[in-house]
Amino acid sequence: MEKTVVLIKPDGVQRALIGKITERFEQKGLHLVAMKMMALDDATLDVWYAHHSDKPFFPALKSYMKSYPIIAMLWEGIDAAETVRTMIGITLGRKAAPGTVRGDFAMSQQYNLIHASESKEAAEKEAGLIFSDKEIFPWKKLDLTQIYSEEELQ
């Protein structure tokens, strides 16, 4: 099964939305295999946001991501990255579709509550930055036959 990284950003932690956001992924049928609260440091953010390092907003982005702890999660499921990206909505919260995390809870471009890996490959890189092997728990989810068809599980 595919894994994907989700971060509840500082504004989501400050606004006490951890449970509401996490509940959505659980209700969808995704499988939580790692979760922790942590503070991001410069070294991690420099790698994480390397594609933004030459942009004028980069220092403010780093400052924001270090302003409060974040909740880091690793979710597992069929097409997990694409599924989670659909569930969180577009980056600009006030234009995100109702029913998405950002559509229901966010108004801002920067303060949009959540990050999700854009692909399976991105998730593998991001998971390596956030979680050690000892922090990932590949436990067996017993209700998979109620979430996926038998054909999907093969």
N, C-alpha and C. Protein backbone atom coordinates (compact mmCIF):
# COMPACT_ATOMS: atom_id res chain seq x y z
N MET A 1 0.84 -1.19 0.00
CA MET A 1 0.00 0.00 0.00
C MET A 1 0.88 1.25 0.00
N GLU A 2 0.37 2.27 -0.63
CA GLU A 2 1.09 3.54 -0.73
C GLU A 2 0.99 4.31 0.59
N LYS A 3 2.06 5.02 0.92
CA LYS A 3 2.07 5.88 2.10
C LYS A 3 2.19 7.34 1.66
N THR A 4 1.64 8.24 2.47
CA THR A 4 1.74 9.67 2.20
C THR A 4 1.88 10.43 3.51
N VAL A 5 2.60 11.55 3.44
CA VAL A 5 2.84 12.38 4.61
C VAL A 5 1.79 13.49 4.67
N VAL A 6 1.30 13.74 5.87
CA VAL A 6 0.42 14.87 6.14
C VAL A 6 1.00 15.63 7.33
N LEU A 7 1.10 16.94 7.20
CA LEU A 7 1.49 17.79 8.31
C LEU A 7 0.33 18.70 8.65
N ILE A 8 -0.04 18.73 9.91
CA ILE A 8 -0.94 19.78 10.38
C ILE A 8 -0.03 20.92 10.79
N LYS A 9 -0.14 22.01 10.05
CA LYS A 9 0.77 23.15 10.20
C LYS A 9 0.50 23.92 11.50
N PRO A 10 1.38 24.88 11.81
CA PRO A 10 1.22 25.63 13.07
C PRO A 10 -0.18 26.24 13.27
N ASP A 11 -0.80 26.76 12.20
CA ASP A 11 -2.12 27.36 12.38
C ASP A 11 -3.17 26.31 12.72
N GLY A 12 -3.05 25.11 12.19
CA GLY A 12 -3.98 24.03 12.53
C GLY A 12 -3.83 23.58 13.97
N VAL A 13 -2.59 23.55 14.46
CA VAL A 13 -2.33 23.22 15.85
C VAL A 13 -2.89 24.32 16.75
N GLN A 14 -2.58 25.58 16.43
CA GLN A 14 -3.07 26.72 17.22
C GLN A 14 -4.60 26.76 17.28
N ARG A 15 -5.24 26.42 16.20
CA ARG A 15 -6.70 26.50 16.12
C ARG A 15 -7.38 25.25 16.66
N ALA A 16 -6.62 24.32 17.21
CA ALA A 16 -7.15 23.09 17.84
C ALA A 16 -7.98 22.26 16.86
N LEU A 17 -7.44 22.10 15.63
CA LEU A 17 -8.14 21.32 14.61
C LEU A 17 -7.52 19.94 14.38
N ILE A 18 -6.60 19.53 15.24
CA ILE A 18 -5.90 18.25 15.06
C ILE A 18 -6.90 17.09 14.97
N GLY A 19 -7.80 17.01 15.91
CA GLY A 19 -8.76 15.90 15.93
C GLY A 19 -9.70 15.92 14.75
N LYS A 20 -10.21 17.10 14.40
CA LYS A 20 -11.15 17.20 13.27
C LYS A 20 -10.48 16.81 11.96
N ILE A 21 -9.23 17.21 11.77
CA ILE A 21 -8.52 16.89 10.54
C ILE A 21 -8.19 15.40 10.49
N THR A 22 -7.65 14.88 11.57
CA THR A 22 -7.27 13.47 11.63
C THR A 22 -8.48 12.57 11.45
N GLU A 23 -9.58 12.95 12.04
CA GLU A 23 -10.81 12.16 11.95
C GLU A 23 -11.26 11.95 10.50
N ARG A 24 -11.07 12.95 9.67
CA ARG A 24 -11.48 12.84 8.26
C ARG A 24 -10.73 11.72 7.54
N PHE A 25 -9.42 11.63 7.80
CA PHE A 25 -8.63 10.58 7.14
C PHE A 25 -9.00 9.20 7.69
N GLU A 26 -9.25 9.13 8.98
CA GLU A 26 -9.68 7.85 9.56
C GLU A 26 -11.04 7.43 8.99
N GLN A 27 -11.97 8.36 8.91
CA GLN A 27 -13.30 8.03 8.40
C GLN A 27 -13.26 7.63 6.93
N LYS A 28 -12.32 8.18 6.18
CA LYS A 28 -12.17 7.83 4.77
C LYS A 28 -11.73 6.38 4.62
N GLY A 29 -11.02 5.87 5.62
CA GLY A 29 -10.52 4.51 5.56
C GLY A 29 -9.03 4.41 5.41
N LEU A 30 -8.34 5.56 5.49
CA LEU A 30 -6.88 5.53 5.45
C LEU A 30 -6.35 4.97 6.77
N HIS A 31 -5.14 4.49 6.73
CA HIS A 31 -4.53 3.74 7.83
C HIS A 31 -3.36 4.54 8.37
N LEU A 32 -3.44 4.99 9.62
CA LEU A 32 -2.40 5.78 10.25
C LEU A 32 -1.28 4.87 10.75
N VAL A 33 -0.06 5.08 10.23
CA VAL A 33 1.07 4.23 10.62
C VAL A 33 2.16 4.99 11.38
N ALA A 34 2.07 6.31 11.44
CA ALA A 34 3.01 7.11 12.23
C ALA A 34 2.40 8.47 12.52
N MET A 35 2.69 8.99 13.73
CA MET A 35 2.18 10.30 14.11
C MET A 35 3.04 10.85 15.25
N LYS A 36 3.40 12.13 15.15
CA LYS A 36 4.11 12.77 16.24
C LYS A 36 3.99 14.28 16.16
N MET A 37 4.13 14.92 17.33
CA MET A 37 4.23 16.36 17.40
C MET A 37 5.71 16.69 17.40
N MET A 38 6.08 17.72 16.64
CA MET A 38 7.49 18.08 16.56
C MET A 38 7.65 19.54 16.17
N ALA A 39 8.84 20.05 16.42
CA ALA A 39 9.23 21.38 15.95
C ALA A 39 10.16 21.18 14.75
N LEU A 40 9.90 21.89 13.69
CA LEU A 40 10.75 21.80 12.51
C LEU A 40 11.94 22.74 12.67
N ASP A 41 13.10 22.30 12.19
CA ASP A 41 14.30 23.13 12.27
C ASP A 41 14.71 23.62 10.89
N ASP A 42 15.68 24.54 10.87
CA ASP A 42 16.13 25.13 9.61
C ASP A 42 16.61 24.09 8.61
N ALA A 43 17.39 23.13 9.08
CA ALA A 43 17.95 22.12 8.17
C ALA A 43 16.85 21.33 7.47
N THR A 44 15.85 20.90 8.22
CA THR A 44 14.74 20.15 7.64
C THR A 44 13.95 21.02 6.67
N LEU A 45 13.68 22.25 7.06
CA LEU A 45 12.90 23.15 6.20
C LEU A 45 13.65 23.52 4.93
N ASP A 46 14.96 23.63 5.01
CA ASP A 46 15.76 23.94 3.82
C ASP A 46 15.65 22.82 2.78
N VAL A 47 15.61 21.58 3.24
CA VAL A 47 15.45 20.45 2.32
C VAL A 47 13.99 20.34 1.87
N TRP A 48 13.07 20.46 2.82
CA TRP A 48 11.64 20.32 2.54
C TRP A 48 11.17 21.31 1.48
N TYR A 49 11.58 22.57 1.65
CA TYR A 49 11.14 23.64 0.76
C TYR A 49 12.25 24.11 -0.19
N ALA A 50 13.15 23.23 -0.57
CA ALA A 50 14.25 23.59 -1.47
C ALA A 50 13.74 24.25 -2.75
N HIS A 51 12.60 23.81 -3.24
CA HIS A 51 12.02 24.36 -4.47
C HIS A 51 11.53 25.80 -4.30
N HIS A 52 11.44 26.28 -3.06
CA HIS A 52 11.04 27.67 -2.80
C HIS A 52 12.20 28.53 -2.31
N SER A 53 13.40 27.97 -2.21
CA SER A 53 14.50 28.66 -1.54
C SER A 53 14.91 29.98 -2.20
N ASP A 54 14.64 30.12 -3.49
CA ASP A 54 15.02 31.36 -4.18
C ASP A 54 13.87 32.37 -4.27
N LYS A 55 12.76 32.07 -3.65
CA LYS A 55 11.59 32.95 -3.73
C LYS A 55 11.59 33.94 -2.56
N PRO A 56 11.04 35.13 -2.78
CA PRO A 56 11.09 36.15 -1.73
C PRO A 56 10.33 35.77 -0.46
N PHE A 57 9.34 34.90 -0.55
CA PHE A 57 8.56 34.53 0.63
C PHE A 57 9.20 33.42 1.46
N PHE A 58 10.33 32.86 1.01
CA PHE A 58 10.94 31.72 1.69
C PHE A 58 11.28 32.00 3.16
N PRO A 59 11.92 33.13 3.51
CA PRO A 59 12.21 33.37 4.93
C PRO A 59 10.94 33.42 5.80
N ALA A 60 9.89 34.04 5.28
CA ALA A 60 8.63 34.11 6.04
C ALA A 60 8.00 32.72 6.17
N LEU A 61 8.10 31.92 5.13
CA LEU A 61 7.56 30.55 5.17
C LEU A 61 8.28 29.74 6.25
N LYS A 62 9.60 29.83 6.27
CA LYS A 62 10.37 29.10 7.29
C LYS A 62 10.01 29.59 8.69
N SER A 63 9.92 30.89 8.85
CA SER A 63 9.58 31.45 10.15
C SER A 63 8.21 30.95 10.63
N TYR A 64 7.25 30.95 9.73
CA TYR A 64 5.90 30.45 10.05
C TYR A 64 5.94 28.98 10.44
N MET A 65 6.65 28.16 9.68
CA MET A 65 6.68 26.72 9.95
C MET A 65 7.44 26.39 11.24
N LYS A 66 8.24 27.33 11.75
CA LYS A 66 8.94 27.14 13.01
C LYS A 66 8.22 27.82 14.18
N SER A 67 7.13 28.51 13.92
CA SER A 67 6.48 29.34 14.94
C SER A 67 5.82 28.54 16.06
N TYR A 68 5.34 27.36 15.76
CA TYR A 68 4.70 26.47 16.72
C TYR A 68 4.98 25.05 16.28
N PRO A 69 4.72 24.08 17.14
CA PRO A 69 4.89 22.69 16.71
C PRO A 69 3.91 22.33 15.59
N ILE A 70 4.24 21.25 14.91
CA ILE A 70 3.36 20.69 13.89
C ILE A 70 3.02 19.25 14.30
N ILE A 71 2.00 18.72 13.69
CA ILE A 71 1.68 17.30 13.83
C ILE A 71 2.05 16.63 12.52
N ALA A 72 2.95 15.67 12.58
CA ALA A 72 3.37 14.93 11.39
C ALA A 72 2.73 13.55 11.42
N MET A 73 2.17 13.16 10.28
CA MET A 73 1.51 11.86 10.18
C MET A 73 1.92 11.16 8.90
N LEU A 74 1.87 9.84 8.94
CA LEU A 74 2.09 9.02 7.77
C LEU A 74 0.86 8.12 7.63
N TRP A 75 0.16 8.31 6.51
CA TRP A 75 -1.07 7.57 6.24
C TRP A 75 -0.82 6.57 5.11
N GLU A 76 -1.54 5.47 5.15
CA GLU A 76 -1.37 4.41 4.18
C GLU A 76 -2.72 4.05 3.56
N GLY A 77 -2.71 3.73 2.27
CA GLY A 77 -3.91 3.30 1.57
C GLY A 77 -3.65 3.21 0.08
N ILE A 78 -4.58 2.67 -0.65
CA ILE A 78 -4.48 2.63 -2.11
C ILE A 78 -4.59 4.06 -2.62
N ASP A 79 -3.64 4.48 -3.47
CA ASP A 79 -3.61 5.84 -4.00
C ASP A 79 -3.67 6.89 -2.89
N ALA A 80 -2.94 6.65 -1.81
CA ALA A 80 -3.02 7.51 -0.62
C ALA A 80 -2.69 8.96 -0.91
N ALA A 81 -1.62 9.22 -1.66
CA ALA A 81 -1.22 10.62 -1.91
C ALA A 81 -2.31 11.37 -2.66
N GLU A 82 -2.81 10.80 -3.72
CA GLU A 82 -3.86 11.46 -4.51
C GLU A 82 -5.14 11.63 -3.70
N THR A 83 -5.49 10.61 -2.93
CA THR A 83 -6.70 10.67 -2.11
C THR A 83 -6.62 11.80 -1.09
N VAL A 84 -5.50 11.89 -0.39
CA VAL A 84 -5.34 12.93 0.62
C VAL A 84 -5.33 14.31 -0.02
N ARG A 85 -4.64 14.46 -1.14
CA ARG A 85 -4.61 15.77 -1.83
C ARG A 85 -6.02 16.22 -2.21
N THR A 86 -6.84 15.29 -2.67
CA THR A 86 -8.22 15.62 -3.00
C THR A 86 -8.98 16.05 -1.75
N MET A 87 -8.75 15.35 -0.65
CA MET A 87 -9.47 15.64 0.59
C MET A 87 -9.09 16.99 1.20
N ILE A 88 -7.86 17.46 0.97
CA ILE A 88 -7.47 18.71 1.62
C ILE A 88 -7.86 19.95 0.82
N GLY A 89 -8.02 19.83 -0.49
CA GLY A 89 -8.43 20.98 -1.30
C GLY A 89 -7.25 21.82 -1.76
N ILE A 90 -7.56 22.82 -2.57
CA ILE A 90 -6.53 23.68 -3.14
C ILE A 90 -5.89 24.56 -2.07
N THR A 91 -4.73 25.10 -2.38
CA THR A 91 -3.92 25.85 -1.42
C THR A 91 -4.63 27.08 -0.85
N LEU A 92 -5.31 27.83 -1.67
CA LEU A 92 -6.00 29.04 -1.21
C LEU A 92 -7.30 28.63 -0.52
N GLY A 93 -7.26 28.65 0.80
CA GLY A 93 -8.37 28.14 1.60
C GLY A 93 -9.74 28.69 1.26
N ARG A 94 -9.83 30.00 1.03
CA ARG A 94 -11.15 30.59 0.79
C ARG A 94 -11.74 30.18 -0.55
N LYS A 95 -10.94 29.61 -1.45
CA LYS A 95 -11.44 29.14 -2.74
C LYS A 95 -11.50 27.63 -2.83
N ALA A 96 -11.08 26.94 -1.77
CA ALA A 96 -11.13 25.49 -1.75
C ALA A 96 -12.58 25.02 -1.64
N ALA A 97 -12.86 23.90 -2.24
CA ALA A 97 -14.23 23.38 -2.28
C ALA A 97 -14.73 23.03 -0.88
N PRO A 98 -16.00 23.36 -0.59
CA PRO A 98 -16.59 22.90 0.67
C PRO A 98 -16.49 21.38 0.74
N GLY A 99 -16.29 20.89 1.96
CA GLY A 99 -16.11 19.46 2.15
C GLY A 99 -14.66 19.05 2.22
N THR A 100 -13.75 19.91 1.71
CA THR A 100 -12.33 19.66 1.86
C THR A 100 -11.86 20.27 3.18
N VAL A 101 -10.70 19.84 3.67
CA VAL A 101 -10.18 20.40 4.92
C VAL A 101 -10.03 21.91 4.79
N ARG A 102 -9.37 22.35 3.74
CA ARG A 102 -9.16 23.80 3.57
C ARG A 102 -10.47 24.52 3.25
N GLY A 103 -11.33 23.89 2.49
CA GLY A 103 -12.61 24.51 2.16
C GLY A 103 -13.49 24.72 3.37
N ASP A 104 -13.37 23.84 4.34
CA ASP A 104 -14.20 23.94 5.54
C ASP A 104 -13.57 24.78 6.65
N PHE A 105 -12.23 24.86 6.69
CA PHE A 105 -11.59 25.47 7.86
C PHE A 105 -10.60 26.59 7.56
N ALA A 106 -10.22 26.84 6.29
CA ALA A 106 -9.16 27.81 6.01
C ALA A 106 -9.65 28.95 5.13
N MET A 107 -9.01 30.11 5.28
CA MET A 107 -9.30 31.28 4.45
C MET A 107 -8.08 31.76 3.69
N SER A 108 -6.90 31.41 4.13
CA SER A 108 -5.65 31.99 3.66
C SER A 108 -4.90 31.11 2.67
N GLN A 109 -3.96 31.72 1.97
CA GLN A 109 -3.02 30.98 1.11
C GLN A 109 -1.92 30.37 1.98
N GLN A 110 -1.36 31.17 2.88
CA GLN A 110 -0.28 30.67 3.73
C GLN A 110 -0.82 29.91 4.93
N TYR A 111 -1.81 30.45 5.58
CA TYR A 111 -2.38 29.78 6.75
C TYR A 111 -3.50 28.86 6.29
N ASN A 112 -3.09 27.75 5.68
CA ASN A 112 -4.06 26.83 5.08
C ASN A 112 -4.09 25.48 5.78
N LEU A 113 -3.57 25.44 7.01
CA LEU A 113 -3.72 24.36 7.97
C LEU A 113 -2.91 23.10 7.75
N ILE A 114 -2.64 22.73 6.50
CA ILE A 114 -2.21 21.36 6.26
C ILE A 114 -1.29 21.26 5.05
N HIS A 115 -0.39 20.32 5.12
CA HIS A 115 0.45 19.95 3.97
C HIS A 115 0.21 18.48 3.70
N ALA A 116 0.20 18.12 2.42
CA ALA A 116 0.12 16.71 2.03
C ALA A 116 1.07 16.48 0.86
N SER A 117 1.74 15.35 0.88
CA SER A 117 2.67 15.00 -0.20
C SER A 117 1.96 15.05 -1.54
N GLU A 118 2.66 15.56 -2.55
CA GLU A 118 2.04 15.69 -3.87
C GLU A 118 2.10 14.41 -4.70
N SER A 119 2.92 13.45 -4.28
CA SER A 119 3.05 12.20 -5.03
C SER A 119 3.63 11.13 -4.11
N LYS A 120 3.61 9.91 -4.59
CA LYS A 120 4.21 8.80 -3.85
C LYS A 120 5.71 9.06 -3.65
N GLU A 121 6.38 9.56 -4.68
CA GLU A 121 7.81 9.83 -4.61
C GLU A 121 8.11 10.94 -3.59
N ALA A 122 7.32 12.00 -3.62
CA ALA A 122 7.49 13.09 -2.65
C ALA A 122 7.25 12.58 -1.23
N ALA A 123 6.25 11.70 -1.06
CA ALA A 123 5.95 11.14 0.26
C ALA A 123 7.13 10.34 0.81
N GLU A 124 7.79 9.58 -0.05
CA GLU A 124 8.94 8.79 0.39
C GLU A 124 10.06 9.71 0.89
N LYS A 125 10.32 10.79 0.15
CA LYS A 125 11.35 11.76 0.56
C LYS A 125 10.96 12.44 1.87
N GLU A 126 9.72 12.92 1.94
CA GLU A 126 9.26 13.63 3.13
C GLU A 126 9.23 12.72 4.36
N ALA A 127 8.78 11.49 4.18
CA ALA A 127 8.75 10.55 5.31
C ALA A 127 10.15 10.34 5.87
N GLY A 128 11.15 10.27 4.99
CA GLY A 128 12.53 10.11 5.42
C GLY A 128 13.06 11.29 6.20
N LEU A 129 12.53 12.48 5.94
CA LEU A 129 12.94 13.67 6.67
C LEU A 129 12.30 13.76 8.06
N ILE A 130 11.14 13.16 8.20
CA ILE A 130 10.35 13.33 9.42
C ILE A 130 10.39 12.12 10.36
N PHE A 131 10.34 10.92 9.79
CA PHE A 131 10.21 9.71 10.62
C PHE A 131 11.41 8.79 10.49
N SER A 132 11.84 8.23 11.61
CA SER A 132 12.82 7.15 11.57
C SER A 132 12.05 5.84 11.39
N ASP A 133 12.74 4.79 11.02
CA ASP A 133 12.08 3.49 10.86
C ASP A 133 11.40 3.05 12.15
N LYS A 134 11.97 3.38 13.30
CA LYS A 134 11.38 2.98 14.58
C LYS A 134 10.09 3.73 14.90
N GLU A 135 9.81 4.81 14.19
CA GLU A 135 8.60 5.60 14.44
C GLU A 135 7.44 5.22 13.53
N ILE A 136 7.67 4.27 12.63
CA ILE A 136 6.62 3.82 11.71
C ILE A 136 6.16 2.44 12.16
N PHE A 137 4.85 2.30 12.32
CA PHE A 137 4.27 1.08 12.86
C PHE A 137 3.36 0.42 11.82
N PRO A 138 3.86 -0.59 11.13
CA PRO A 138 3.06 -1.26 10.08
C PRO A 138 2.10 -2.30 10.66
N TRP A 139 1.17 -1.85 11.50
CA TRP A 139 0.21 -2.76 12.11
C TRP A 139 -0.89 -3.13 11.13
N LYS A 140 -1.52 -4.26 11.37
CA LYS A 140 -2.54 -4.77 10.46
C LYS A 140 -3.90 -4.14 10.78
N LYS A 141 -4.46 -3.49 9.79
CA LYS A 141 -5.80 -2.89 9.93
C LYS A 141 -6.82 -3.97 9.61
N LEU A 142 -7.63 -4.35 10.58
CA LEU A 142 -8.51 -5.50 10.44
C LEU A 142 -9.73 -5.26 9.57
N ASP A 143 -10.11 -4.01 9.35
CA ASP A 143 -11.33 -3.74 8.58
C ASP A 143 -11.08 -3.44 7.11
N LEU A 144 -9.89 -3.78 6.59
CA LEU A 144 -9.59 -3.48 5.19
C LEU A 144 -10.59 -4.09 4.23
N THR A 145 -11.15 -5.25 4.57
CA THR A 145 -12.12 -5.89 3.67
C THR A 145 -13.45 -5.15 3.64
N GLN A 146 -13.62 -4.19 4.55
CA GLN A 146 -14.82 -3.36 4.54
C GLN A 146 -14.55 -2.01 3.87
N ILE A 147 -13.28 -1.75 3.54
CA ILE A 147 -12.88 -0.50 2.93
C ILE A 147 -12.58 -0.69 1.44
N TYR A 148 -11.92 -1.80 1.10
CA TYR A 148 -11.54 -2.11 -0.28
C TYR A 148 -12.17 -3.43 -0.70
N SER A 149 -12.41 -3.56 -1.99
CA SER A 149 -12.88 -4.84 -2.51
C SER A 149 -11.75 -5.86 -2.48
N GLU A 150 -12.08 -7.11 -2.58
CA GLU A 150 -11.08 -8.17 -2.59
C GLU A 150 -10.08 -7.99 -3.73
N GLU A 151 -10.57 -7.56 -4.89
CA GLU A 151 -9.70 -7.34 -6.05
C GLU A 151 -8.69 -6.23 -5.79
N GLU A 152 -9.12 -5.18 -5.12
CA GLU A 152 -8.23 -4.05 -4.83
C GLU A 152 -7.13 -4.44 -3.86
N LEU A 153 -7.40 -5.37 -2.99
CA LEU A 153 -6.44 -5.77 -1.98
C LEU A 153 -5.39 -6.76 -2.50
N GLN A 154 -5.56 -7.23 -3.71
CA GLN A 154 -4.60 -8.19 -4.26
C GLN A 154 -3.51 -7.51 -5.03
